[in-house]
N, C-alpha and C. Protein backbone atom coordinates (compact mmCIF):
# COMPACT_ATOMS: atom_id res chain seq x y z
N MET A 1 0.85 -1.16 0.00
CA MET A 1 0.00 0.00 0.00
C MET A 1 0.89 1.23 0.00
N LEU A 2 0.53 2.21 -0.78
CA LEU A 2 1.30 3.43 -0.90
C LEU A 2 0.52 4.59 -0.31
N PHE A 3 1.14 5.28 0.64
CA PHE A 3 0.57 6.50 1.19
C PHE A 3 1.49 7.64 0.77
N ALA A 4 0.93 8.66 0.17
CA ALA A 4 1.76 9.77 -0.28
C ALA A 4 0.97 11.06 -0.22
N ASP A 5 1.69 12.14 -0.04
CA ASP A 5 1.10 13.47 -0.07
C ASP A 5 1.79 14.23 -1.17
N LEU A 6 1.07 14.52 -2.23
CA LEU A 6 1.63 15.27 -3.33
C LEU A 6 1.44 16.74 -3.06
N LYS A 7 2.52 17.41 -2.76
CA LYS A 7 2.46 18.82 -2.38
C LYS A 7 1.73 19.63 -3.45
N GLY A 8 0.72 20.34 -3.03
CA GLY A 8 -0.04 21.19 -3.93
C GLY A 8 -1.10 20.47 -4.74
N SER A 9 -1.27 19.18 -4.50
CA SER A 9 -2.23 18.43 -5.32
C SER A 9 -3.67 18.88 -5.07
N MET A 10 -4.02 19.24 -3.86
CA MET A 10 -5.39 19.66 -3.59
C MET A 10 -5.71 20.96 -4.32
N GLU A 11 -4.77 21.90 -4.31
CA GLU A 11 -4.99 23.15 -5.03
C GLU A 11 -5.07 22.91 -6.53
N LEU A 12 -4.25 22.01 -7.03
CA LEU A 12 -4.23 21.71 -8.46
C LEU A 12 -5.54 21.06 -8.92
N LEU A 13 -6.10 20.20 -8.07
CA LEU A 13 -7.25 19.40 -8.49
C LEU A 13 -8.60 19.94 -8.03
N ALA A 14 -8.61 20.89 -7.12
CA ALA A 14 -9.84 21.33 -6.48
C ALA A 14 -10.92 21.80 -7.45
N GLU A 15 -10.56 22.51 -8.47
CA GLU A 15 -11.54 23.08 -9.40
C GLU A 15 -11.71 22.26 -10.68
N ARG A 16 -11.11 21.08 -10.74
CA ARG A 16 -11.19 20.27 -11.96
C ARG A 16 -12.24 19.17 -11.81
N ASP A 17 -12.77 18.73 -12.93
CA ASP A 17 -13.71 17.62 -12.86
C ASP A 17 -12.90 16.34 -12.60
N PRO A 18 -13.54 15.31 -12.06
CA PRO A 18 -12.83 14.09 -11.65
C PRO A 18 -12.04 13.42 -12.79
N GLU A 19 -12.57 13.41 -13.98
CA GLU A 19 -11.86 12.78 -15.10
C GLU A 19 -10.58 13.53 -15.44
N GLU A 20 -10.63 14.84 -15.43
CA GLU A 20 -9.43 15.63 -15.70
C GLU A 20 -8.41 15.47 -14.57
N ALA A 21 -8.90 15.43 -13.34
CA ALA A 21 -8.01 15.22 -12.20
C ALA A 21 -7.29 13.88 -12.33
N ARG A 22 -8.01 12.84 -12.68
CA ARG A 22 -7.39 11.52 -12.86
C ARG A 22 -6.36 11.54 -13.98
N ARG A 23 -6.69 12.24 -15.07
CA ARG A 23 -5.76 12.33 -16.20
C ARG A 23 -4.45 12.99 -15.77
N LEU A 24 -4.53 13.98 -14.90
CA LEU A 24 -3.33 14.66 -14.40
C LEU A 24 -2.59 13.85 -13.34
N LEU A 25 -3.33 13.21 -12.48
CA LEU A 25 -2.75 12.55 -11.32
C LEU A 25 -2.26 11.13 -11.60
N ASP A 26 -2.93 10.40 -12.47
CA ASP A 26 -2.57 9.00 -12.71
C ASP A 26 -1.12 8.79 -13.14
N PRO A 27 -0.57 9.58 -14.06
CA PRO A 27 0.83 9.36 -14.43
C PRO A 27 1.79 9.55 -13.25
N VAL A 28 1.48 10.50 -12.40
CA VAL A 28 2.33 10.74 -11.23
C VAL A 28 2.25 9.57 -10.27
N LEU A 29 1.05 9.10 -9.99
CA LEU A 29 0.88 7.96 -9.10
C LEU A 29 1.51 6.71 -9.67
N GLU A 30 1.43 6.53 -10.96
CA GLU A 30 2.03 5.36 -11.61
C GLU A 30 3.55 5.37 -11.41
N ARG A 31 4.16 6.53 -11.59
CA ARG A 31 5.61 6.62 -11.37
C ARG A 31 5.98 6.37 -9.92
N MET A 32 5.16 6.86 -9.01
CA MET A 32 5.43 6.62 -7.59
C MET A 32 5.34 5.13 -7.28
N MET A 33 4.35 4.46 -7.85
CA MET A 33 4.18 3.03 -7.62
C MET A 33 5.37 2.26 -8.18
N GLU A 34 5.86 2.66 -9.35
CA GLU A 34 7.03 2.00 -9.93
C GLU A 34 8.24 2.18 -9.03
N ALA A 35 8.35 3.34 -8.41
CA ALA A 35 9.49 3.62 -7.55
C ALA A 35 9.52 2.75 -6.31
N VAL A 36 8.36 2.36 -5.81
CA VAL A 36 8.32 1.54 -4.61
C VAL A 36 8.02 0.08 -4.91
N ASP A 37 7.85 -0.25 -6.18
CA ASP A 37 7.58 -1.63 -6.57
C ASP A 37 8.86 -2.41 -6.44
N GLY A 38 9.08 -2.99 -5.32
CA GLY A 38 10.34 -3.67 -5.10
C GLY A 38 10.24 -4.70 -4.01
N GLY A 39 11.33 -4.89 -3.37
CA GLY A 39 11.43 -5.93 -2.37
C GLY A 39 11.99 -7.18 -3.02
N ILE A 40 12.62 -7.97 -2.23
CA ILE A 40 13.30 -9.16 -2.75
C ILE A 40 12.30 -10.13 -3.39
N GLY A 41 11.08 -10.18 -2.87
CA GLY A 41 10.07 -11.08 -3.44
C GLY A 41 9.71 -10.70 -4.86
N VAL A 42 9.54 -9.40 -5.10
CA VAL A 42 9.21 -8.92 -6.45
C VAL A 42 10.40 -9.16 -7.37
N LEU A 43 11.60 -8.83 -6.91
CA LEU A 43 12.79 -9.06 -7.73
C LEU A 43 12.94 -10.53 -8.09
N ARG A 44 12.81 -11.38 -7.10
CA ARG A 44 12.94 -12.83 -7.31
C ARG A 44 11.91 -13.34 -8.32
N ALA A 45 10.67 -12.94 -8.14
CA ALA A 45 9.60 -13.40 -9.02
C ALA A 45 9.82 -12.94 -10.46
N LYS A 46 10.21 -11.69 -10.63
CA LYS A 46 10.44 -11.18 -11.99
C LYS A 46 11.63 -11.85 -12.65
N ILE A 47 12.70 -12.05 -11.92
CA ILE A 47 13.89 -12.70 -12.47
C ILE A 47 13.57 -14.15 -12.83
N GLN A 48 12.98 -14.87 -11.91
CA GLN A 48 12.67 -16.28 -12.16
C GLN A 48 11.64 -16.45 -13.27
N GLY A 49 10.76 -15.49 -13.42
CA GLY A 49 9.75 -15.56 -14.47
C GLY A 49 10.21 -14.97 -15.79
N GLY A 50 11.46 -14.47 -15.84
CA GLY A 50 11.98 -13.89 -17.07
C GLY A 50 11.33 -12.56 -17.42
N ALA A 51 10.78 -11.90 -16.43
CA ALA A 51 10.05 -10.66 -16.68
C ALA A 51 10.72 -9.44 -16.06
N ASN A 52 12.02 -9.54 -15.77
CA ASN A 52 12.67 -8.36 -15.19
C ASN A 52 12.74 -7.26 -16.23
N ASN A 53 12.40 -6.06 -15.82
CA ASN A 53 12.30 -4.92 -16.73
C ASN A 53 13.25 -3.81 -16.31
N TRP A 54 14.43 -4.16 -15.88
CA TRP A 54 15.39 -3.16 -15.43
C TRP A 54 16.79 -3.57 -15.85
N ASP A 55 17.69 -2.61 -15.84
CA ASP A 55 19.11 -2.88 -16.06
C ASP A 55 19.87 -2.82 -14.75
N VAL A 56 19.46 -1.88 -13.88
CA VAL A 56 20.12 -1.68 -12.59
C VAL A 56 19.03 -1.46 -11.56
N VAL A 57 19.22 -2.02 -10.36
CA VAL A 57 18.26 -1.80 -9.28
C VAL A 57 18.99 -1.28 -8.06
N GLN A 58 18.27 -0.56 -7.24
CA GLN A 58 18.79 -0.11 -5.95
C GLN A 58 18.01 -0.87 -4.89
N VAL A 59 18.72 -1.54 -3.99
CA VAL A 59 18.07 -2.34 -2.96
C VAL A 59 18.65 -1.99 -1.60
N GLU A 60 17.89 -2.32 -0.57
CA GLU A 60 18.37 -2.16 0.80
C GLU A 60 19.41 -3.25 1.10
N SER A 61 20.18 -3.06 2.15
CA SER A 61 21.28 -3.99 2.45
C SER A 61 20.79 -5.41 2.68
N GLU A 62 19.63 -5.57 3.32
CA GLU A 62 19.11 -6.93 3.56
C GLU A 62 18.77 -7.62 2.25
N GLU A 63 18.15 -6.87 1.32
CA GLU A 63 17.80 -7.43 0.03
C GLU A 63 19.05 -7.71 -0.80
N LEU A 64 20.06 -6.88 -0.66
CA LEU A 64 21.31 -7.09 -1.36
C LEU A 64 21.94 -8.41 -0.91
N LEU A 65 21.99 -8.63 0.39
CA LEU A 65 22.55 -9.87 0.92
C LEU A 65 21.78 -11.09 0.43
N LEU A 66 20.45 -11.04 0.55
CA LEU A 66 19.63 -12.17 0.10
C LEU A 66 19.79 -12.41 -1.40
N GLY A 67 19.74 -11.33 -2.17
CA GLY A 67 19.88 -11.46 -3.62
C GLY A 67 21.22 -12.03 -4.04
N CYS A 68 22.27 -11.62 -3.35
CA CYS A 68 23.60 -12.17 -3.64
C CYS A 68 23.67 -13.65 -3.27
N GLU A 69 23.13 -13.99 -2.10
CA GLU A 69 23.12 -15.39 -1.68
C GLU A 69 22.35 -16.29 -2.64
N GLU A 70 21.28 -15.74 -3.22
CA GLU A 70 20.44 -16.51 -4.14
C GLU A 70 20.92 -16.43 -5.59
N GLY A 71 21.94 -15.64 -5.85
CA GLY A 71 22.45 -15.50 -7.22
C GLY A 71 21.54 -14.71 -8.13
N LEU A 72 20.77 -13.79 -7.56
CA LEU A 72 19.83 -13.01 -8.37
C LEU A 72 20.50 -11.86 -9.11
N PHE A 73 21.61 -11.37 -8.59
CA PHE A 73 22.26 -10.20 -9.17
C PHE A 73 23.46 -10.60 -10.00
N GLU A 74 23.75 -9.78 -10.99
CA GLU A 74 24.92 -9.96 -11.84
C GLU A 74 25.89 -8.82 -11.59
N LYS A 75 27.18 -9.11 -11.70
CA LYS A 75 28.17 -8.05 -11.56
C LYS A 75 28.14 -7.17 -12.79
N ILE A 76 28.40 -5.90 -12.56
CA ILE A 76 28.45 -4.94 -13.66
C ILE A 76 29.80 -5.04 -14.35
N ASP A 77 29.80 -5.14 -15.67
CA ASP A 77 31.02 -5.12 -16.46
C ASP A 77 31.31 -3.65 -16.78
N TRP A 78 32.13 -3.04 -15.94
CA TRP A 78 32.39 -1.60 -16.05
C TRP A 78 33.07 -1.23 -17.35
N THR A 79 33.79 -2.16 -17.98
CA THR A 79 34.45 -1.84 -19.25
C THR A 79 33.44 -1.55 -20.35
N LYS A 80 32.24 -2.09 -20.24
CA LYS A 80 31.20 -1.83 -21.22
C LYS A 80 30.49 -0.50 -20.98
N LEU A 81 30.76 0.11 -19.83
CA LEU A 81 30.10 1.37 -19.46
C LEU A 81 31.09 2.52 -19.32
N ALA A 82 32.20 2.45 -20.00
CA ALA A 82 33.20 3.52 -20.01
C ALA A 82 33.92 3.68 -18.68
N GLY A 83 33.93 2.66 -17.86
CA GLY A 83 34.71 2.69 -16.63
C GLY A 83 33.93 3.04 -15.38
N ARG A 84 34.28 2.38 -14.30
CA ARG A 84 33.61 2.55 -13.01
C ARG A 84 33.73 3.97 -12.46
N ASP A 85 34.89 4.59 -12.67
CA ASP A 85 35.14 5.92 -12.10
C ASP A 85 34.20 6.99 -12.66
N ARG A 86 33.55 6.72 -13.77
CA ARG A 86 32.59 7.69 -14.33
C ARG A 86 31.23 7.63 -13.63
N PHE A 87 31.00 6.57 -12.83
CA PHE A 87 29.70 6.39 -12.20
C PHE A 87 29.76 6.39 -10.69
N LEU A 88 30.85 5.98 -10.10
CA LEU A 88 30.93 5.89 -8.64
C LEU A 88 31.88 6.91 -8.09
């Protein structure tokens, strides 16, 4: 479940009809949901099902440990990305 407060959303939507409000708000909510769509269970299911839709993920330390233990993550080949020092 996602709880969020979009600053200024009430002022933005107060005078609009519900369909227009949804048209404006839905893309924002969708991006927020994508940002929190995670956890080791989701990662595991997507990888095992061949449905992973990312190149790089950011995970918490507990998920990193579990994912490494389960072999879910791959090492980055920095030579293909112009070198590690350009990113870290």
